[in-house]
Amino acid sequence: AAAGVHTVVSGDTLGAISARYGVSLDTVLTQNGLSYASVIYPGQQIKVSGNASVAAPEPVSPAAVPAAAPATRASFTAPAPVQSDFSFASSAITRAAAPAPTSDVAAGGVNAAILASAYAQLGAIQDCTVLGEQALKAAGISGVGDESPAGLMEFATPVSTPQPGDFIYYANGGAGVPHNAIYIGDGKAIHSGFNGNQTVINSADLGSGPSYYRVNG
C-alpha cells in the first residue's frame, strides 16, 4: 500500500485503524469522506494522512443476500467460525419493510437470564458471538465454547413469534458475514460488533433479516 494508506483486512474497524497509525478517528473519517455510520470492507483503502478522500463502497444490498437460517442442533452442521468484530452501522443496513414482532410477553426462566446478561453487557467492546456466549453461560447452559453465530443457534430451536430473551440469527448482518443478537422486545435487540465492536440497542431488523431462536434450559 502507498504511504499513508491502510488496506482494510477482515476484522478491521475504523477505530482500530486510527489508533494503529496514531491519527484521531475524526481525522480518518474526514480524510476519507466517511462518517460514524460508514461501512468498511476488506480490500478497501483508507487514508491515514493527507487530505485526499477515498470513497467508501456502497453497502451490501440486503435483497441480494438470501436469508438462509440454520437448522436445529440435532441436524445442523455449523460453518467454520467467522471473525465477527466487523464494522457496520444501522443506518446503512436497516431494512424498513419487515413488520415488528408482535409477541412481547414478559421473559421468564432461561429467557430472563439471557435478557439480564445481554443488558449487563451494554457498552462492552466485543464481537457478536461473545454476547451470545456470555448470555448462554449466565443462563446455566453447558457446553458453550468459542462459537460462531450459527453455532450459537445450535443451543436453541426456531420460533415464529419471538419473545424477549430469544436469540436472533442473521445470515448476513449487513457486512457480508453472519451475525447474532438478543431480542429485547418492541422490534429491538441488543447487538455486539457495531462500529468499533460496540454493544448497543438497535433495531432487530437488519441485513438479510432476523430469524428467531429460543434456548431451552
N, C-alpha and C. Protein backbone atom coordinates (compact mmCIF):
# COMPACT_ATOMS: atom_id res chain seq x y z
N ALA A 1 0.84 -1.19 0.00
CA ALA A 1 0.00 0.00 0.00
C ALA A 1 0.88 1.25 0.00
N ALA A 2 0.38 2.32 -0.58
CA ALA A 2 1.11 3.58 -0.61
C ALA A 2 1.27 4.12 0.80
N ALA A 3 2.28 4.99 0.98
CA ALA A 3 2.49 5.59 2.28
C ALA A 3 1.24 6.36 2.69
N GLY A 4 0.87 6.19 3.95
CA GLY A 4 -0.31 6.90 4.43
C GLY A 4 -1.62 6.27 4.03
N VAL A 5 -1.58 5.04 3.51
CA VAL A 5 -2.81 4.36 3.10
C VAL A 5 -2.84 2.98 3.76
N HIS A 6 -3.97 2.65 4.38
CA HIS A 6 -4.15 1.34 5.02
C HIS A 6 -5.16 0.53 4.21
N THR A 7 -4.82 -0.72 3.87
CA THR A 7 -5.74 -1.61 3.17
C THR A 7 -6.50 -2.44 4.21
N VAL A 8 -7.81 -2.33 4.20
CA VAL A 8 -8.66 -2.99 5.20
C VAL A 8 -8.57 -4.51 5.05
N VAL A 9 -8.41 -5.19 6.19
CA VAL A 9 -8.46 -6.65 6.23
C VAL A 9 -9.61 -7.06 7.15
N SER A 10 -9.99 -8.33 7.08
CA SER A 10 -11.09 -8.82 7.90
C SER A 10 -10.81 -8.56 9.37
N GLY A 11 -11.78 -8.00 10.07
CA GLY A 11 -11.64 -7.69 11.49
C GLY A 11 -11.26 -6.26 11.78
N ASP A 12 -10.86 -5.50 10.75
CA ASP A 12 -10.50 -4.10 10.96
C ASP A 12 -11.73 -3.27 11.35
N THR A 13 -11.52 -2.28 12.19
CA THR A 13 -12.52 -1.26 12.46
C THR A 13 -11.87 0.10 12.26
N LEU A 14 -12.68 1.11 12.01
CA LEU A 14 -12.13 2.45 11.82
C LEU A 14 -11.38 2.92 13.07
N GLY A 15 -11.92 2.58 14.25
CA GLY A 15 -11.26 2.97 15.48
C GLY A 15 -9.89 2.32 15.62
N ALA A 16 -9.81 1.02 15.26
CA ALA A 16 -8.53 0.32 15.37
C ALA A 16 -7.51 0.86 14.38
N ILE A 17 -7.99 1.18 13.16
CA ILE A 17 -7.08 1.73 12.15
C ILE A 17 -6.51 3.07 12.60
N SER A 18 -7.38 3.95 13.11
CA SER A 18 -6.91 5.26 13.54
C SER A 18 -5.91 5.14 14.68
N ALA A 19 -6.17 4.20 15.62
CA ALA A 19 -5.25 4.02 16.74
C ALA A 19 -3.91 3.47 16.28
N ARG A 20 -3.93 2.58 15.31
CA ARG A 20 -2.69 1.97 14.81
C ARG A 20 -1.75 3.01 14.22
N TYR A 21 -2.31 4.00 13.52
CA TYR A 21 -1.47 5.00 12.86
C TYR A 21 -1.32 6.29 13.67
N GLY A 22 -1.90 6.29 14.88
CA GLY A 22 -1.77 7.47 15.73
C GLY A 22 -2.51 8.68 15.19
N VAL A 23 -3.60 8.42 14.48
CA VAL A 23 -4.42 9.51 13.92
C VAL A 23 -5.78 9.44 14.58
N SER A 24 -6.38 10.57 14.90
CA SER A 24 -7.69 10.56 15.54
C SER A 24 -8.74 9.99 14.59
N LEU A 25 -9.76 9.36 15.18
CA LEU A 25 -10.83 8.77 14.37
C LEU A 25 -11.52 9.85 13.54
N ASP A 26 -11.74 11.03 14.12
CA ASP A 26 -12.39 12.11 13.36
C ASP A 26 -11.56 12.49 12.14
N THR A 27 -10.23 12.50 12.29
CA THR A 27 -9.36 12.84 11.17
C THR A 27 -9.47 11.80 10.06
N VAL A 28 -9.46 10.51 10.44
CA VAL A 28 -9.59 9.45 9.45
C VAL A 28 -10.92 9.56 8.71
N LEU A 29 -11.99 9.82 9.45
CA LEU A 29 -13.30 9.96 8.82
C LEU A 29 -13.31 11.11 7.82
N THR A 30 -12.72 12.27 8.23
CA THR A 30 -12.70 13.45 7.37
C THR A 30 -11.86 13.20 6.12
N GLN A 31 -10.70 12.58 6.28
CA GLN A 31 -9.80 12.34 5.15
C GLN A 31 -10.43 11.43 4.09
N ASN A 32 -11.31 10.53 4.54
CA ASN A 32 -11.86 9.54 3.63
C ASN A 32 -13.32 9.77 3.26
N GLY A 33 -13.85 10.90 3.68
CA GLY A 33 -15.24 11.19 3.35
C GLY A 33 -16.20 10.22 4.00
N LEU A 34 -15.83 9.70 5.18
CA LEU A 34 -16.65 8.72 5.89
C LEU A 34 -17.35 9.37 7.08
N SER A 35 -18.23 8.61 7.72
CA SER A 35 -18.90 9.05 8.94
C SER A 35 -18.94 7.87 9.90
N TYR A 36 -19.45 8.11 11.11
CA TYR A 36 -19.57 7.04 12.08
C TYR A 36 -20.53 5.95 11.60
N ALA A 37 -21.35 6.26 10.62
CA ALA A 37 -22.31 5.29 10.09
C ALA A 37 -21.78 4.55 8.87
N SER A 38 -20.51 4.77 8.50
CA SER A 38 -19.97 4.15 7.30
C SER A 38 -19.59 2.69 7.53
N VAL A 39 -19.66 1.90 6.46
CA VAL A 39 -19.25 0.50 6.47
C VAL A 39 -17.90 0.38 5.77
N ILE A 40 -16.98 -0.41 6.34
CA ILE A 40 -15.72 -0.66 5.65
C ILE A 40 -15.64 -2.14 5.29
N TYR A 41 -14.89 -2.41 4.21
CA TYR A 41 -14.83 -3.77 3.67
C TYR A 41 -13.38 -4.19 3.43
N PRO A 42 -13.07 -5.51 3.57
CA PRO A 42 -11.73 -5.97 3.23
C PRO A 42 -11.33 -5.56 1.82
N GLY A 43 -10.10 -5.08 1.67
CA GLY A 43 -9.60 -4.62 0.38
C GLY A 43 -9.75 -3.12 0.16
N GLN A 44 -10.62 -2.47 0.94
CA GLN A 44 -10.81 -1.02 0.80
C GLN A 44 -9.56 -0.30 1.32
N GLN A 45 -9.17 0.80 0.65
CA GLN A 45 -8.02 1.58 1.07
C GLN A 45 -8.47 2.80 1.87
N ILE A 46 -7.90 2.96 3.05
CA ILE A 46 -8.25 4.05 3.95
C ILE A 46 -7.03 4.95 4.13
N LYS A 47 -7.19 6.23 3.83
CA LYS A 47 -6.10 7.18 4.02
C LYS A 47 -5.94 7.48 5.51
N VAL A 48 -4.69 7.51 5.95
CA VAL A 48 -4.41 7.84 7.34
C VAL A 48 -3.50 9.07 7.44
N SER A 49 -3.33 9.81 6.33
CA SER A 49 -2.62 11.08 6.34
C SER A 49 -2.99 11.83 5.08
N GLY A 50 -2.73 13.13 5.02
CA GLY A 50 -3.04 13.92 3.83
C GLY A 50 -4.49 14.36 3.82
N ASN A 51 -4.93 14.90 2.69
CA ASN A 51 -6.26 15.48 2.62
C ASN A 51 -7.18 14.84 1.59
N ALA A 52 -6.63 13.92 0.74
CA ALA A 52 -7.47 13.32 -0.30
C ALA A 52 -8.49 12.39 0.32
N SER A 53 -9.56 12.14 -0.37
CA SER A 53 -10.62 11.28 0.12
C SER A 53 -10.66 9.99 -0.68
N VAL A 54 -11.01 8.91 -0.01
CA VAL A 54 -11.26 7.64 -0.65
C VAL A 54 -12.70 7.29 -0.41
N ALA A 55 -13.47 7.16 -1.46
CA ALA A 55 -14.90 6.94 -1.29
C ALA A 55 -15.18 5.54 -0.81
N ALA A 56 -16.09 5.41 0.16
CA ALA A 56 -16.49 4.10 0.65
C ALA A 56 -17.40 3.43 -0.37
N PRO A 57 -17.29 2.08 -0.55
CA PRO A 57 -18.19 1.39 -1.48
C PRO A 57 -19.61 1.36 -0.96
N GLU A 58 -20.53 1.10 -1.87
CA GLU A 58 -21.92 1.01 -1.48
C GLU A 58 -22.11 -0.18 -0.55
N PRO A 59 -22.99 -0.05 0.47
CA PRO A 59 -23.23 -1.19 1.35
C PRO A 59 -23.89 -2.34 0.60
N VAL A 60 -23.74 -3.54 1.14
CA VAL A 60 -24.33 -4.72 0.53
C VAL A 60 -25.85 -4.58 0.49
N SER A 61 -26.45 -4.86 -0.66
CA SER A 61 -27.90 -4.80 -0.76
C SER A 61 -28.52 -6.02 -0.10
N PRO A 62 -29.37 -5.81 0.91
CA PRO A 62 -29.97 -6.97 1.58
C PRO A 62 -30.72 -7.87 0.62
N ALA A 63 -31.32 -7.31 -0.46
CA ALA A 63 -32.11 -8.10 -1.38
C ALA A 63 -31.26 -9.11 -2.14
N ALA A 64 -29.95 -8.84 -2.22
CA ALA A 64 -29.07 -9.72 -2.98
C ALA A 64 -28.55 -10.88 -2.16
N VAL A 65 -28.86 -10.89 -0.85
CA VAL A 65 -28.34 -11.92 0.02
C VAL A 65 -29.47 -12.81 0.49
N PRO A 66 -29.45 -14.11 0.19
CA PRO A 66 -30.53 -15.00 0.64
C PRO A 66 -30.54 -15.12 2.15
N ALA A 67 -31.72 -15.09 2.75
CA ALA A 67 -31.86 -15.17 4.19
C ALA A 67 -31.95 -16.63 4.62
N ALA A 68 -30.80 -17.32 4.62
CA ALA A 68 -30.79 -18.74 4.96
C ALA A 68 -30.60 -18.91 6.46
N ALA A 69 -31.52 -19.57 7.13
CA ALA A 69 -31.45 -19.80 8.56
C ALA A 69 -30.92 -21.19 8.83
N PRO A 70 -30.14 -21.38 9.91
CA PRO A 70 -29.65 -22.71 10.24
C PRO A 70 -30.74 -23.59 10.80
N ALA A 71 -30.50 -24.89 10.81
CA ALA A 71 -31.45 -25.83 11.39
C ALA A 71 -31.19 -25.98 12.88
N THR A 72 -31.84 -26.95 13.52
CA THR A 72 -31.67 -27.14 14.95
C THR A 72 -30.35 -27.84 15.23
N ARG A 73 -29.98 -27.93 16.52
CA ARG A 73 -28.70 -28.51 16.89
C ARG A 73 -28.57 -29.96 16.45
N ALA A 74 -29.68 -30.68 16.39
CA ALA A 74 -29.61 -32.10 16.07
C ALA A 74 -29.15 -32.37 14.65
N SER A 75 -29.48 -31.46 13.70
CA SER A 75 -29.19 -31.73 12.32
C SER A 75 -28.29 -30.70 11.65
N PHE A 76 -27.95 -29.64 12.35
CA PHE A 76 -27.22 -28.53 11.73
C PHE A 76 -25.72 -28.73 11.83
N THR A 77 -25.03 -28.56 10.71
CA THR A 77 -23.57 -28.56 10.68
C THR A 77 -23.09 -27.13 10.59
N ALA A 78 -22.48 -26.65 11.64
CA ALA A 78 -22.09 -25.23 11.70
C ALA A 78 -20.97 -24.95 10.72
N PRO A 79 -20.99 -23.80 10.07
CA PRO A 79 -19.87 -23.40 9.23
C PRO A 79 -18.67 -23.06 10.07
N ALA A 80 -17.53 -22.89 9.42
CA ALA A 80 -16.33 -22.51 10.16
C ALA A 80 -16.56 -21.19 10.87
N PRO A 81 -16.07 -21.03 12.10
CA PRO A 81 -16.28 -19.78 12.84
C PRO A 81 -15.78 -18.58 12.03
N VAL A 82 -16.50 -17.48 12.13
CA VAL A 82 -16.10 -16.27 11.43
C VAL A 82 -15.71 -15.21 12.44
N GLN A 83 -14.84 -14.34 12.02
CA GLN A 83 -14.45 -13.23 12.88
C GLN A 83 -15.52 -12.16 12.77
N SER A 84 -16.19 -11.89 13.89
CA SER A 84 -17.37 -11.04 13.84
C SER A 84 -17.12 -9.61 14.30
N ASP A 85 -15.87 -9.25 14.56
CA ASP A 85 -15.60 -7.89 15.02
C ASP A 85 -15.47 -6.95 13.82
N PHE A 86 -16.54 -6.98 12.99
CA PHE A 86 -16.56 -6.13 11.81
C PHE A 86 -17.22 -4.80 12.13
N SER A 87 -17.00 -3.82 11.27
CA SER A 87 -17.65 -2.52 11.43
C SER A 87 -18.89 -2.46 10.56
N PHE A 88 -20.03 -2.14 11.16
CA PHE A 88 -21.21 -1.88 10.38
C PHE A 88 -22.10 -0.94 11.16
N ALA A 89 -23.00 -0.24 10.47
CA ALA A 89 -23.81 0.77 11.12
C ALA A 89 -25.26 0.59 10.73
N SER A 90 -26.16 0.81 11.69
CA SER A 90 -27.58 0.55 11.46
C SER A 90 -28.14 1.38 10.33
N SER A 91 -27.69 2.62 10.19
CA SER A 91 -28.27 3.48 9.16
C SER A 91 -27.99 2.96 7.76
N ALA A 92 -26.92 2.16 7.61
CA ALA A 92 -26.56 1.66 6.28
C ALA A 92 -27.27 0.35 5.95
N ILE A 93 -27.77 -0.37 6.95
CA ILE A 93 -28.27 -1.71 6.67
C ILE A 93 -29.67 -1.98 7.21
N THR A 94 -30.27 -1.05 7.91
CA THR A 94 -31.61 -1.28 8.44
C THR A 94 -32.61 -1.49 7.30
N ARG A 95 -33.42 -2.53 7.40
CA ARG A 95 -34.44 -2.83 6.41
C ARG A 95 -35.78 -2.35 6.94
N ALA A 96 -36.48 -1.53 6.16
CA ALA A 96 -37.70 -0.90 6.65
C ALA A 96 -38.96 -1.70 6.35
N ALA A 97 -38.86 -2.76 5.52
CA ALA A 97 -40.07 -3.41 5.03
C ALA A 97 -40.67 -4.40 6.02
N ALA A 98 -39.85 -5.08 6.83
CA ALA A 98 -40.37 -6.14 7.67
C ALA A 98 -41.15 -5.58 8.85
N PRO A 99 -42.29 -6.20 9.20
CA PRO A 99 -43.07 -5.73 10.35
C PRO A 99 -42.39 -6.08 11.66
N ALA A 100 -42.69 -5.32 12.70
CA ALA A 100 -42.13 -5.61 14.02
C ALA A 100 -42.82 -6.83 14.61
N PRO A 101 -42.10 -7.67 15.37
CA PRO A 101 -42.72 -8.80 16.03
C PRO A 101 -43.84 -8.33 16.98
N THR A 102 -44.79 -9.21 17.24
CA THR A 102 -45.98 -8.78 17.98
C THR A 102 -46.15 -9.45 19.33
N SER A 103 -45.31 -10.41 19.69
CA SER A 103 -45.48 -11.11 20.96
C SER A 103 -44.38 -10.73 21.92
N ASP A 104 -44.56 -9.62 22.65
CA ASP A 104 -43.54 -9.16 23.58
C ASP A 104 -43.96 -9.45 25.01
N VAL A 105 -44.24 -10.73 25.31
CA VAL A 105 -44.62 -11.10 26.66
C VAL A 105 -43.40 -11.04 27.55
N ALA A 106 -43.63 -10.95 28.86
CA ALA A 106 -42.52 -10.86 29.80
C ALA A 106 -41.66 -12.11 29.75
N ALA A 107 -40.35 -11.92 29.81
CA ALA A 107 -39.43 -13.05 29.78
C ALA A 107 -39.43 -13.75 31.12
N GLY A 108 -39.27 -15.06 31.08
CA GLY A 108 -39.18 -15.85 32.30
C GLY A 108 -38.17 -16.96 32.12
N GLY A 109 -37.68 -17.53 33.23
CA GLY A 109 -36.78 -18.66 33.17
C GLY A 109 -35.49 -18.36 32.45
N VAL A 110 -35.15 -19.23 31.48
CA VAL A 110 -33.91 -19.09 30.72
C VAL A 110 -33.90 -17.76 29.97
N ASN A 111 -35.03 -17.38 29.36
CA ASN A 111 -35.07 -16.12 28.61
C ASN A 111 -34.75 -14.93 29.50
N ALA A 112 -35.24 -14.95 30.74
CA ALA A 112 -34.98 -13.84 31.65
C ALA A 112 -33.50 -13.73 31.98
N ALA A 113 -32.83 -14.89 32.17
CA ALA A 113 -31.40 -14.87 32.46
C ALA A 113 -30.60 -14.37 31.26
N ILE A 114 -30.98 -14.80 30.05
CA ILE A 114 -30.31 -14.34 28.84
C ILE A 114 -30.49 -12.84 28.67
N LEU A 115 -31.71 -12.36 28.89
CA LEU A 115 -32.02 -10.93 28.75
C LEU A 115 -31.21 -10.10 29.74
N ALA A 116 -31.14 -10.55 30.99
CA ALA A 116 -30.40 -9.82 32.01
C ALA A 116 -28.92 -9.75 31.66
N SER A 117 -28.37 -10.86 31.15
CA SER A 117 -26.96 -10.87 30.76
C SER A 117 -26.71 -9.92 29.60
N ALA A 118 -27.63 -9.89 28.61
CA ALA A 118 -27.46 -9.00 27.47
C ALA A 118 -27.45 -7.54 27.90
N TYR A 119 -28.37 -7.17 28.78
CA TYR A 119 -28.40 -5.79 29.28
C TYR A 119 -27.12 -5.45 30.05
N ALA A 120 -26.60 -6.42 30.80
CA ALA A 120 -25.39 -6.18 31.59
C ALA A 120 -24.17 -5.96 30.69
N GLN A 121 -24.23 -6.44 29.45
CA GLN A 121 -23.10 -6.30 28.54
C GLN A 121 -23.15 -5.02 27.71
N LEU A 122 -24.21 -4.22 27.82
CA LEU A 122 -24.29 -2.98 27.05
C LEU A 122 -23.06 -2.11 27.32
N GLY A 123 -22.49 -1.59 26.25
CA GLY A 123 -21.30 -0.75 26.35
C GLY A 123 -20.00 -1.51 26.22
N ALA A 124 -20.06 -2.86 26.30
CA ALA A 124 -18.83 -3.66 26.17
C ALA A 124 -18.31 -3.61 24.74
N ILE A 125 -17.00 -3.64 24.59
CA ILE A 125 -16.36 -3.69 23.27
C ILE A 125 -16.05 -5.16 22.98
N GLN A 126 -16.83 -5.77 22.09
CA GLN A 126 -16.69 -7.20 21.82
C GLN A 126 -17.44 -7.55 20.55
N ASP A 127 -17.20 -8.75 20.02
CA ASP A 127 -17.94 -9.15 18.83
C ASP A 127 -19.26 -9.82 19.23
N CYS A 128 -20.08 -10.10 18.21
CA CYS A 128 -21.44 -10.57 18.48
C CYS A 128 -21.47 -11.94 19.15
N THR A 129 -20.48 -12.80 18.87
CA THR A 129 -20.53 -14.14 19.45
C THR A 129 -20.27 -14.11 20.95
N VAL A 130 -19.44 -13.18 21.42
CA VAL A 130 -19.20 -13.07 22.86
C VAL A 130 -20.49 -12.73 23.58
N LEU A 131 -21.29 -11.85 23.00
CA LEU A 131 -22.59 -11.50 23.59
C LEU A 131 -23.42 -12.77 23.83
N GLY A 132 -23.52 -13.61 22.80
CA GLY A 132 -24.32 -14.82 22.93
C GLY A 132 -23.71 -15.84 23.87
N GLU A 133 -22.39 -16.01 23.81
CA GLU A 133 -21.72 -16.98 24.68
C GLU A 133 -21.91 -16.62 26.15
N GLN A 134 -21.74 -15.34 26.48
CA GLN A 134 -21.88 -14.91 27.86
C GLN A 134 -23.33 -15.07 28.34
N ALA A 135 -24.29 -14.80 27.46
CA ALA A 135 -25.70 -14.93 27.83
C ALA A 135 -26.06 -16.39 28.09
N LEU A 136 -25.56 -17.31 27.25
CA LEU A 136 -25.84 -18.73 27.46
C LEU A 136 -25.23 -19.22 28.77
N LYS A 137 -24.01 -18.81 29.05
CA LYS A 137 -23.37 -19.22 30.30
C LYS A 137 -24.13 -18.68 31.51
N ALA A 138 -24.60 -17.41 31.41
CA ALA A 138 -25.35 -16.81 32.51
C ALA A 138 -26.66 -17.56 32.77
N ALA A 139 -27.21 -18.17 31.72
CA ALA A 139 -28.46 -18.92 31.85
C ALA A 139 -28.21 -20.36 32.28
N GLY A 140 -26.95 -20.73 32.53
CA GLY A 140 -26.63 -22.06 33.00
C GLY A 140 -26.57 -23.11 31.92
N ILE A 141 -26.40 -22.69 30.66
CA ILE A 141 -26.33 -23.63 29.55
C ILE A 141 -24.92 -24.21 29.47
N SER A 142 -24.80 -25.51 29.44
CA SER A 142 -23.49 -26.16 29.41
C SER A 142 -23.02 -26.40 27.98
N GLY A 143 -21.72 -26.62 27.83
CA GLY A 143 -21.15 -26.95 26.53
C GLY A 143 -20.86 -25.76 25.65
N VAL A 144 -20.92 -24.55 26.20
CA VAL A 144 -20.68 -23.35 25.41
C VAL A 144 -19.18 -23.12 25.26
N GLY A 145 -18.71 -23.04 24.02
CA GLY A 145 -17.30 -22.79 23.77
C GLY A 145 -17.11 -21.53 22.96
N ASP A 146 -16.12 -21.54 22.07
CA ASP A 146 -15.88 -20.42 21.16
C ASP A 146 -16.76 -20.64 19.94
N GLU A 147 -17.93 -20.04 19.94
CA GLU A 147 -18.97 -20.34 18.95
C GLU A 147 -18.97 -19.35 17.79
N SER A 148 -19.49 -19.79 16.66
CA SER A 148 -19.83 -18.90 15.55
C SER A 148 -21.28 -18.46 15.74
N PRO A 149 -21.75 -17.44 14.99
CA PRO A 149 -23.16 -17.06 15.11
C PRO A 149 -24.11 -18.23 14.87
N ALA A 150 -23.84 -19.04 13.84
CA ALA A 150 -24.69 -20.19 13.58
C ALA A 150 -24.55 -21.24 14.67
N GLY A 151 -23.33 -21.40 15.21
CA GLY A 151 -23.12 -22.37 16.28
C GLY A 151 -23.91 -22.03 17.53
N LEU A 152 -24.09 -20.75 17.81
CA LEU A 152 -24.90 -20.35 18.97
C LEU A 152 -26.35 -20.83 18.82
N MET A 153 -26.85 -20.84 17.58
CA MET A 153 -28.24 -21.25 17.37
C MET A 153 -28.43 -22.75 17.59
N GLU A 154 -27.33 -23.52 17.66
CA GLU A 154 -27.45 -24.94 17.94
C GLU A 154 -27.94 -25.20 19.36
N PHE A 155 -27.85 -24.19 20.22
CA PHE A 155 -28.34 -24.32 21.59
C PHE A 155 -29.82 -23.95 21.68
N ALA A 156 -30.47 -23.69 20.56
CA ALA A 156 -31.84 -23.18 20.56
C ALA A 156 -32.64 -23.84 19.45
N THR A 157 -33.94 -23.56 19.43
CA THR A 157 -34.82 -24.06 18.38
C THR A 157 -35.57 -22.88 17.75
N PRO A 158 -35.89 -22.95 16.46
CA PRO A 158 -36.56 -21.84 15.79
C PRO A 158 -37.95 -21.57 16.37
N VAL A 159 -38.33 -20.30 16.43
CA VAL A 159 -39.68 -19.90 16.84
C VAL A 159 -40.19 -18.88 15.84
N SER A 160 -41.49 -18.88 15.63
CA SER A 160 -42.08 -17.95 14.67
C SER A 160 -42.52 -16.65 15.32
N THR A 161 -42.82 -16.69 16.62
CA THR A 161 -43.24 -15.49 17.34
C THR A 161 -42.27 -15.24 18.48
N PRO A 162 -41.38 -14.26 18.35
CA PRO A 162 -40.32 -14.08 19.34
C PRO A 162 -40.79 -13.46 20.64
N GLN A 163 -40.04 -13.74 21.69
CA GLN A 163 -40.22 -13.14 23.00
C GLN A 163 -38.89 -12.56 23.47
N PRO A 164 -38.92 -11.56 24.36
CA PRO A 164 -37.67 -11.02 24.89
C PRO A 164 -36.80 -12.13 25.47
N GLY A 165 -35.52 -12.08 25.16
CA GLY A 165 -34.60 -13.11 25.60
C GLY A 165 -34.32 -14.16 24.54
N ASP A 166 -35.06 -14.14 23.43
CA ASP A 166 -34.77 -15.05 22.32
C ASP A 166 -33.52 -14.61 21.58
N PHE A 167 -32.82 -15.57 20.99
CA PHE A 167 -31.68 -15.27 20.14
C PHE A 167 -32.17 -14.89 18.74
N ILE A 168 -31.36 -14.09 18.03
CA ILE A 168 -31.64 -13.75 16.64
C ILE A 168 -30.42 -14.14 15.81
N TYR A 169 -30.69 -14.77 14.66
CA TYR A 169 -29.63 -15.14 13.71
C TYR A 169 -29.85 -14.39 12.40
N TYR A 170 -28.77 -13.86 11.83
CA TYR A 170 -28.79 -13.20 10.52
C TYR A 170 -27.79 -13.90 9.61
N ALA A 171 -28.25 -14.41 8.47
CA ALA A 171 -27.33 -15.00 7.50
C ALA A 171 -26.31 -13.96 7.05
N ASN A 172 -26.74 -12.70 7.00
CA ASN A 172 -25.86 -11.57 6.69
C ASN A 172 -26.30 -10.40 7.55
N GLY A 173 -25.46 -10.02 8.50
CA GLY A 173 -25.81 -8.93 9.40
C GLY A 173 -25.71 -7.56 8.76
N GLY A 174 -25.27 -7.49 7.50
CA GLY A 174 -25.15 -6.22 6.82
C GLY A 174 -23.74 -5.90 6.39
N ALA A 175 -22.77 -6.71 6.85
CA ALA A 175 -21.38 -6.51 6.45
C ALA A 175 -20.85 -7.72 5.70
N GLY A 176 -21.77 -8.56 5.20
CA GLY A 176 -21.37 -9.70 4.39
C GLY A 176 -21.02 -10.94 5.18
N VAL A 177 -21.24 -10.93 6.49
CA VAL A 177 -20.95 -12.10 7.33
C VAL A 177 -22.14 -12.36 8.24
N PRO A 178 -22.27 -13.60 8.77
CA PRO A 178 -23.36 -13.89 9.71
C PRO A 178 -23.24 -13.05 10.97
N HIS A 179 -24.36 -12.92 11.67
CA HIS A 179 -24.43 -12.06 12.86
C HIS A 179 -25.47 -12.66 13.80
N ASN A 180 -25.31 -12.41 15.09
CA ASN A 180 -26.32 -12.82 16.07
C ASN A 180 -26.60 -11.67 17.03
N ALA A 181 -27.79 -11.70 17.64
CA ALA A 181 -28.18 -10.67 18.60
C ALA A 181 -29.16 -11.30 19.58
N ILE A 182 -29.62 -10.50 20.56
CA ILE A 182 -30.60 -10.97 21.54
C ILE A 182 -31.78 -10.01 21.53
N TYR A 183 -32.97 -10.57 21.31
CA TYR A 183 -34.19 -9.77 21.19
C TYR A 183 -34.61 -9.25 22.55
N ILE A 184 -35.02 -7.96 22.63
CA ILE A 184 -35.45 -7.38 23.90
C ILE A 184 -36.90 -6.90 23.86
N GLY A 185 -37.57 -7.09 22.72
CA GLY A 185 -38.96 -6.66 22.61
C GLY A 185 -39.12 -5.38 21.82
N ASP A 186 -40.35 -5.11 21.38
CA ASP A 186 -40.68 -3.88 20.66
C ASP A 186 -39.85 -3.73 19.39
N GLY A 187 -39.51 -4.85 18.73
CA GLY A 187 -38.77 -4.79 17.48
C GLY A 187 -37.31 -4.40 17.63
N LYS A 188 -36.77 -4.45 18.87
CA LYS A 188 -35.38 -4.05 19.10
C LYS A 188 -34.58 -5.21 19.66
N ALA A 189 -33.26 -5.08 19.56
CA ALA A 189 -32.36 -6.13 20.03
C ALA A 189 -31.08 -5.51 20.55
N ILE A 190 -30.36 -6.30 21.35
CA ILE A 190 -29.02 -5.91 21.79
C ILE A 190 -28.02 -6.59 20.86
N HIS A 191 -27.16 -5.79 20.25
CA HIS A 191 -26.16 -6.25 19.29
C HIS A 191 -24.76 -5.93 19.81
N SER A 192 -23.82 -6.83 19.59
CA SER A 192 -22.40 -6.50 19.72
C SER A 192 -21.80 -6.53 18.31
N GLY A 193 -20.65 -5.88 18.15
CA GLY A 193 -19.98 -5.87 16.85
C GLY A 193 -20.31 -4.66 16.00
N PHE A 194 -21.03 -3.67 16.55
CA PHE A 194 -21.27 -2.45 15.78
C PHE A 194 -19.96 -1.66 15.69
N ASN A 195 -19.97 -0.53 14.97
CA ASN A 195 -18.73 0.22 14.72
C ASN A 195 -17.86 0.26 15.97
N GLY A 196 -16.62 -0.20 15.84
CA GLY A 196 -15.74 -0.29 16.99
C GLY A 196 -16.10 -1.44 17.91
N ASN A 197 -16.89 -2.42 17.40
CA ASN A 197 -17.30 -3.58 18.19
C ASN A 197 -18.11 -3.19 19.43
N GLN A 198 -18.92 -2.15 19.31
CA GLN A 198 -19.72 -1.71 20.43
C GLN A 198 -20.91 -2.63 20.67
N THR A 199 -21.38 -2.68 21.93
CA THR A 199 -22.59 -3.40 22.30
C THR A 199 -23.68 -2.37 22.54
N VAL A 200 -24.73 -2.42 21.71
CA VAL A 200 -25.73 -1.36 21.69
C VAL A 200 -27.13 -1.95 21.51
N ILE A 201 -28.14 -1.11 21.76
CA ILE A 201 -29.52 -1.45 21.42
C ILE A 201 -29.83 -0.85 20.06
N ASN A 202 -30.37 -1.67 19.15
CA ASN A 202 -30.75 -1.17 17.84
C ASN A 202 -31.89 -2.03 17.31
N SER A 203 -32.34 -1.72 16.11
CA SER A 203 -33.43 -2.48 15.51
C SER A 203 -33.08 -3.95 15.38
N ALA A 204 -34.09 -4.81 15.53
CA ALA A 204 -33.89 -6.24 15.29
C ALA A 204 -33.90 -6.56 13.80
N ASP A 205 -34.32 -5.60 12.98
CA ASP A 205 -34.48 -5.85 11.54
C ASP A 205 -33.29 -5.28 10.79
N LEU A 206 -32.24 -6.09 10.66
CA LEU A 206 -31.01 -5.66 10.00
C LEU A 206 -30.66 -6.64 8.89
N GLY A 207 -29.78 -6.18 7.99
CA GLY A 207 -29.17 -7.06 7.00
C GLY A 207 -30.17 -7.91 6.24
N SER A 208 -29.93 -9.23 6.24
CA SER A 208 -30.80 -10.16 5.50
C SER A 208 -32.08 -10.47 6.24
N GLY A 209 -32.25 -9.92 7.42
CA GLY A 209 -33.48 -10.12 8.18
C GLY A 209 -33.31 -11.12 9.30
N PRO A 210 -34.07 -10.97 10.39
CA PRO A 210 -33.89 -11.82 11.58
C PRO A 210 -34.59 -13.17 11.48
N SER A 211 -33.95 -14.20 12.04
CA SER A 211 -34.58 -15.49 12.31
C SER A 211 -34.46 -15.71 13.81
N TYR A 212 -35.57 -16.04 14.46
CA TYR A 212 -35.61 -16.08 15.91
C TYR A 212 -35.47 -17.51 16.45
N TYR A 213 -34.74 -17.64 17.58
CA TYR A 213 -34.46 -18.94 18.18
C TYR A 213 -34.64 -18.83 19.70
N ARG A 214 -35.19 -19.87 20.31
CA ARG A 214 -35.40 -19.88 21.76
C ARG A 214 -34.55 -20.96 22.40
N VAL A 215 -33.83 -20.58 23.46
CA VAL A 215 -32.97 -21.52 24.19
C VAL A 215 -33.81 -22.27 25.18
N ASN A 216 -33.69 -23.59 25.19
CA ASN A 216 -34.41 -24.43 26.14
C ASN A 216 -33.46 -24.89 27.23
N GLY A 217 -33.75 -24.51 28.46
CA GLY A 217 -32.85 -24.86 29.55
C GLY A 217 -33.01 -26.30 29.98
